[in-house]
Structure formats: C-alpha cells, structure tokens
N, C-alpha and C. Protein backbone atom coordinates (compact mmCIF):
# COMPACT_ATOMS: atom_id res chain seq x y z
N ASN A 1 0.81 -1.16 0.01
CA ASN A 1 0.01 0.07 0.01
C ASN A 1 0.97 1.30 0.01
N ASP A 2 1.76 1.31 -0.94
CA ASP A 2 2.74 2.53 -1.13
C ASP A 2 2.19 3.55 -1.90
N SER A 3 0.94 3.38 -2.45
CA SER A 3 0.33 4.40 -3.53
C SER A 3 -1.03 4.85 -2.84
N LYS A 4 -1.17 6.27 -2.98
CA LYS A 4 -2.48 6.92 -2.64
C LYS A 4 -3.63 6.25 -3.31
N ASP A 5 -3.34 5.97 -4.60
CA ASP A 5 -4.42 5.58 -5.53
C ASP A 5 -4.90 4.06 -5.12
N MET A 6 -3.91 3.41 -4.49
CA MET A 6 -4.27 2.01 -4.16
C MET A 6 -4.45 1.73 -2.75
N ALA A 7 -4.73 2.79 -1.98
CA ALA A 7 -4.77 2.82 -0.43
C ALA A 7 -6.00 1.85 -0.07
N PRO A 8 -5.73 0.66 0.61
CA PRO A 8 -6.76 -0.22 1.00
C PRO A 8 -7.66 0.37 2.04
N LEU A 9 -8.84 0.04 2.04
CA LEU A 9 -9.86 0.43 3.11
C LEU A 9 -9.54 -0.22 4.44
N LEU A 10 -9.40 0.53 5.49
CA LEU A 10 -9.08 -0.02 6.62
C LEU A 10 -10.26 -0.89 7.31
N PRO A 11 -10.08 -2.09 7.61
CA PRO A 11 -11.16 -2.94 8.09
C PRO A 11 -11.46 -2.70 9.50
N GLY A 12 -12.72 -2.45 9.81
CA GLY A 12 -13.14 -2.28 11.27
C GLY A 12 -12.47 -1.26 12.00
N GLU A 13 -12.33 -1.51 13.33
CA GLU A 13 -11.84 -0.37 14.17
C GLU A 13 -10.29 -0.43 14.33
N TYR A 14 -9.60 -1.45 14.14
CA TYR A 14 -8.14 -1.30 14.17
C TYR A 14 -7.43 -2.41 13.37
N LEU A 15 -6.15 -2.13 13.10
CA LEU A 15 -5.29 -2.97 12.31
C LEU A 15 -4.12 -3.20 13.10
N ALA A 16 -3.71 -4.49 13.25
CA ALA A 16 -2.54 -4.66 14.26
C ALA A 16 -1.41 -5.55 13.56
N ASN A 17 -0.21 -5.53 14.19
CA ASN A 17 0.97 -6.24 13.75
C ASN A 17 1.35 -6.01 12.35
N HIS A 18 1.49 -4.70 12.00
CA HIS A 18 2.11 -4.29 10.79
C HIS A 18 3.48 -3.71 10.91
N GLN A 19 4.28 -3.62 9.91
CA GLN A 19 5.69 -3.14 10.01
C GLN A 19 5.84 -2.13 8.94
N ILE A 20 6.52 -1.12 9.15
CA ILE A 20 6.95 -0.13 8.22
C ILE A 20 8.46 -0.09 8.15
N CYS A 21 9.03 0.18 6.92
CA CYS A 21 10.42 0.29 6.88
C CYS A 21 10.92 1.80 6.90
N SER A 22 12.07 2.10 7.36
CA SER A 22 12.49 3.44 7.39
C SER A 22 12.42 4.03 5.97
N GLY A 23 11.77 5.26 5.94
CA GLY A 23 11.70 5.90 4.75
C GLY A 23 10.53 5.46 3.84
N ASN A 24 9.81 4.43 4.24
CA ASN A 24 8.68 3.91 3.46
C ASN A 24 7.43 4.71 3.92
N VAL A 25 6.48 4.76 3.12
CA VAL A 25 5.13 5.38 3.34
C VAL A 25 4.10 4.38 3.11
N ASP A 26 3.14 4.25 4.00
CA ASP A 26 2.04 3.37 3.81
C ASP A 26 0.68 4.19 3.73
N PHE A 27 -0.22 3.94 2.88
CA PHE A 27 -1.53 4.66 2.68
C PHE A 27 -2.67 3.69 2.99
N PHE A 28 -3.61 4.23 3.64
CA PHE A 28 -4.90 3.47 4.00
C PHE A 28 -6.06 4.47 3.65
N SER A 29 -7.25 3.90 3.39
CA SER A 29 -8.32 4.80 3.36
C SER A 29 -9.46 4.44 4.45
N VAL A 30 -10.27 5.52 4.77
CA VAL A 30 -11.29 5.30 5.62
C VAL A 30 -12.54 6.03 5.21
N LEU A 31 -13.68 5.29 5.04
CA LEU A 31 -15.00 6.02 4.65
C LEU A 31 -15.73 6.43 5.82
N LEU A 32 -16.14 7.78 5.82
CA LEU A 32 -16.78 8.45 6.95
C LEU A 32 -18.13 9.05 6.47
N LEU A 33 -19.13 8.97 7.31
CA LEU A 33 -20.29 9.72 7.17
C LEU A 33 -20.11 11.14 7.56
N PRO A 34 -20.85 12.16 7.15
CA PRO A 34 -20.74 13.46 7.65
C PRO A 34 -20.84 13.54 9.07
N GLU A 35 -19.98 14.28 9.75
CA GLU A 35 -19.87 14.59 11.22
C GLU A 35 -19.61 13.28 12.03
N GLU A 36 -19.21 12.16 11.37
CA GLU A 36 -18.91 10.95 12.09
C GLU A 36 -17.60 11.09 12.89
N LEU A 37 -17.49 10.57 14.12
CA LEU A 37 -16.22 10.81 14.83
C LEU A 37 -15.09 9.81 14.42
N PHE A 38 -13.96 10.37 14.48
CA PHE A 38 -12.90 9.64 13.90
C PHE A 38 -11.61 9.95 14.68
N ARG A 39 -10.92 8.83 15.08
CA ARG A 39 -9.73 9.09 15.95
C ARG A 39 -8.64 8.20 15.19
N ALA A 40 -7.59 8.63 14.76
CA ALA A 40 -6.52 7.80 14.29
C ALA A 40 -5.38 7.61 15.23
N THR A 41 -4.96 6.46 15.63
CA THR A 41 -3.89 6.28 16.65
C THR A 41 -2.88 5.33 16.09
N ILE A 42 -1.61 5.60 16.12
CA ILE A 42 -0.65 4.48 15.87
C ILE A 42 0.24 4.35 17.14
N LEU A 43 0.41 3.00 17.48
CA LEU A 43 1.32 2.73 18.57
C LEU A 43 2.35 1.83 18.09
N PHE A 44 3.53 2.02 18.56
CA PHE A 44 4.65 1.19 18.01
C PHE A 44 5.75 1.15 19.17
N ASP A 45 6.43 0.05 19.01
CA ASP A 45 7.65 -0.20 19.89
C ASP A 45 8.93 -0.28 19.33
N GLN A 46 9.15 0.33 18.20
CA GLN A 46 10.42 0.27 17.54
C GLN A 46 11.22 1.41 18.01
N SER A 47 12.51 1.42 17.74
CA SER A 47 13.34 2.50 18.06
C SER A 47 13.24 3.72 16.94
N ASN A 48 12.54 3.49 15.87
CA ASN A 48 12.34 4.38 14.95
C ASN A 48 10.94 4.89 15.05
N ASP A 49 10.90 6.25 14.95
CA ASP A 49 9.66 6.98 15.19
C ASP A 49 8.74 6.85 13.99
N LEU A 50 7.47 6.79 14.17
CA LEU A 50 6.45 6.90 13.02
C LEU A 50 5.61 8.12 13.16
N ASP A 51 5.05 8.56 12.16
CA ASP A 51 4.18 9.68 12.15
C ASP A 51 3.00 9.41 11.23
N LEU A 52 1.96 10.30 11.39
CA LEU A 52 0.69 10.09 10.88
C LEU A 52 0.20 11.35 10.26
N SER A 53 -0.63 11.14 9.12
CA SER A 53 -1.25 12.35 8.52
C SER A 53 -2.49 11.84 7.88
N ILE A 54 -3.53 12.71 7.93
CA ILE A 54 -4.91 12.41 7.37
C ILE A 54 -5.27 13.44 6.38
N GLU A 55 -5.89 13.16 5.27
CA GLU A 55 -6.34 14.16 4.37
C GLU A 55 -7.77 13.82 4.01
N SER A 56 -8.55 14.96 4.04
CA SER A 56 -9.99 14.81 3.81
C SER A 56 -10.25 14.77 2.26
N PRO A 57 -11.54 14.39 1.91
CA PRO A 57 -11.92 14.39 0.51
C PRO A 57 -11.63 15.75 -0.22
N SER A 58 -11.71 16.91 0.54
CA SER A 58 -11.56 18.22 -0.04
C SER A 58 -10.06 18.72 0.11
N GLY A 59 -9.14 17.88 0.64
CA GLY A 59 -7.77 18.15 0.67
C GLY A 59 -7.28 18.70 1.99
N GLN A 60 -8.16 18.94 3.05
CA GLN A 60 -7.70 19.38 4.25
C GLN A 60 -6.88 18.35 4.93
N ARG A 61 -5.71 18.76 5.62
CA ARG A 61 -4.77 17.79 6.14
C ARG A 61 -4.57 18.03 7.73
N TRP A 62 -4.48 17.02 8.37
CA TRP A 62 -4.07 16.99 9.79
C TRP A 62 -2.77 16.20 9.98
N ASN A 63 -1.94 16.70 10.69
CA ASN A 63 -0.67 15.83 10.90
C ASN A 63 -0.44 15.70 12.38
N SER A 64 0.22 14.51 12.71
CA SER A 64 0.59 14.25 14.20
C SER A 64 1.70 15.22 14.55
N ALA A 65 1.87 15.23 15.79
CA ALA A 65 2.81 16.32 16.41
C ALA A 65 4.31 16.29 15.79
N GLY A 66 4.74 15.09 15.42
CA GLY A 66 6.18 15.02 14.89
C GLY A 66 7.10 14.90 16.15
N VAL A 67 6.60 14.56 17.30
CA VAL A 67 7.48 14.32 18.38
C VAL A 67 8.00 12.89 18.44
N ARG A 68 9.18 12.72 18.82
CA ARG A 68 9.70 11.38 18.87
C ARG A 68 9.27 10.65 20.11
N ASP A 69 8.13 9.92 19.91
CA ASP A 69 7.59 9.14 21.03
C ASP A 69 6.94 7.83 20.42
N PHE A 70 6.26 7.06 21.05
CA PHE A 70 5.78 5.82 20.76
C PHE A 70 4.21 5.81 20.48
N GLU A 71 3.63 6.86 20.32
CA GLU A 71 2.23 6.99 20.05
C GLU A 71 1.95 8.33 19.27
N GLU A 72 1.19 8.20 18.21
CA GLU A 72 0.69 9.34 17.47
C GLU A 72 -0.79 9.32 17.34
N VAL A 73 -1.45 10.46 17.63
CA VAL A 73 -2.90 10.42 17.68
C VAL A 73 -3.41 11.77 16.89
N ILE A 74 -4.40 11.55 16.05
CA ILE A 74 -5.01 12.73 15.34
C ILE A 74 -6.55 12.56 15.49
N ILE A 75 -7.19 13.51 15.92
CA ILE A 75 -8.74 13.56 16.04
C ILE A 75 -9.14 14.72 15.30
N PRO A 76 -9.51 14.54 13.97
CA PRO A 76 -9.90 15.59 13.09
C PRO A 76 -11.31 16.13 13.53
N SER A 77 -11.52 17.38 13.36
CA SER A 77 -12.77 18.03 13.82
C SER A 77 -13.59 18.40 12.55
N THR A 78 -14.87 18.59 12.74
CA THR A 78 -15.81 19.07 11.72
C THR A 78 -15.53 18.25 10.42
N LEU A 79 -15.94 17.13 10.38
CA LEU A 79 -15.61 16.14 9.30
C LEU A 79 -16.77 16.18 8.20
N GLU A 80 -16.36 16.20 6.99
CA GLU A 80 -17.22 16.03 5.92
C GLU A 80 -17.29 14.54 5.63
N GLY A 81 -18.31 14.05 4.97
CA GLY A 81 -18.43 12.59 4.51
C GLY A 81 -17.62 12.38 3.28
N GLY A 82 -17.21 11.11 3.18
CA GLY A 82 -16.31 10.77 2.14
C GLY A 82 -15.16 9.86 2.44
N SER A 83 -14.25 9.64 1.59
CA SER A 83 -13.12 8.80 1.78
C SER A 83 -11.90 9.57 2.22
N TYR A 84 -11.29 9.36 3.38
CA TYR A 84 -10.20 9.96 3.77
C TYR A 84 -8.93 9.17 3.71
N LEU A 85 -7.86 9.78 3.34
CA LEU A 85 -6.59 9.11 3.16
C LEU A 85 -5.79 9.16 4.51
N VAL A 86 -5.27 8.06 4.89
CA VAL A 86 -4.54 7.92 6.15
C VAL A 86 -3.11 7.59 5.70
N GLU A 87 -2.08 8.35 6.09
CA GLU A 87 -0.75 8.20 5.59
C GLU A 87 0.16 7.80 6.98
N VAL A 88 0.85 6.76 6.95
CA VAL A 88 1.76 6.38 8.08
C VAL A 88 3.18 6.37 7.48
N PHE A 89 4.06 7.06 8.13
CA PHE A 89 5.48 7.14 7.60
C PHE A 89 6.58 7.38 8.62
N GLY A 90 7.72 6.84 8.33
CA GLY A 90 8.85 6.98 9.27
C GLY A 90 9.29 8.44 9.45
N LEU A 91 9.87 8.85 10.58
CA LEU A 91 10.33 10.21 10.77
C LEU A 91 11.27 10.68 9.67
N ILE A 92 11.97 9.71 9.04
CA ILE A 92 12.95 10.18 8.01
C ILE A 92 12.29 10.95 6.90
N LYS A 93 11.04 10.66 6.68
CA LYS A 93 10.36 11.41 5.51
C LYS A 93 10.30 12.88 5.75
N ILE A 94 10.23 13.39 6.92
CA ILE A 94 10.04 14.80 7.23
C ILE A 94 11.37 15.38 7.69
N SER A 95 12.43 14.64 7.77
CA SER A 95 13.67 15.20 8.20
C SER A 95 14.53 15.68 7.22
C-alpha cells in the first residue's frame, strides 16, 4: 500500500501487527459519514519513530505532532463525509 491511488480500506476499528520500513510510506483509506467521529492512533515499539497524516476528500490535512515518542494521535474536527486518506510514515520522511 505504497500508493495513494491503491490505499486499501481499513477494516473495522483497528489494524494490528504491521511493519513499516525506514523511509517507507503506507497509505490506507477510511470511509466516513458526515460529522462521524474519527480518531487515528498508531502505537509502536520500535526505536524508529512513526508519524501520521490524514487528508479529507476536499484536501484538508491533519498531521501528528512529529514528536519522537511511541504514540501518534489525530482527532480531526468538523468532518465531511467521504473517503479519507491515512498516511503512516517513518520520521525520516520529514527530516
């Protein structure tokens, strides 16, 4: 899932036991109804930091804090309905 165009739909409430390589980007999609609550969290136990970004159907973006820790959380506000793009990437992408 290295392509925005081929981002698989996230199944259910969570996805576990995945791995990302340094410098690699993974994309997922989430379908939301208008004003539906959405919280994106990644937890990891690696020595390499991961970060998180979400893009709305109209192009609005939310990014995780970019702090070197083992949890990233994004809770977008005032959501429109449609397909959201979730991007997970190693810290090396933004350095």
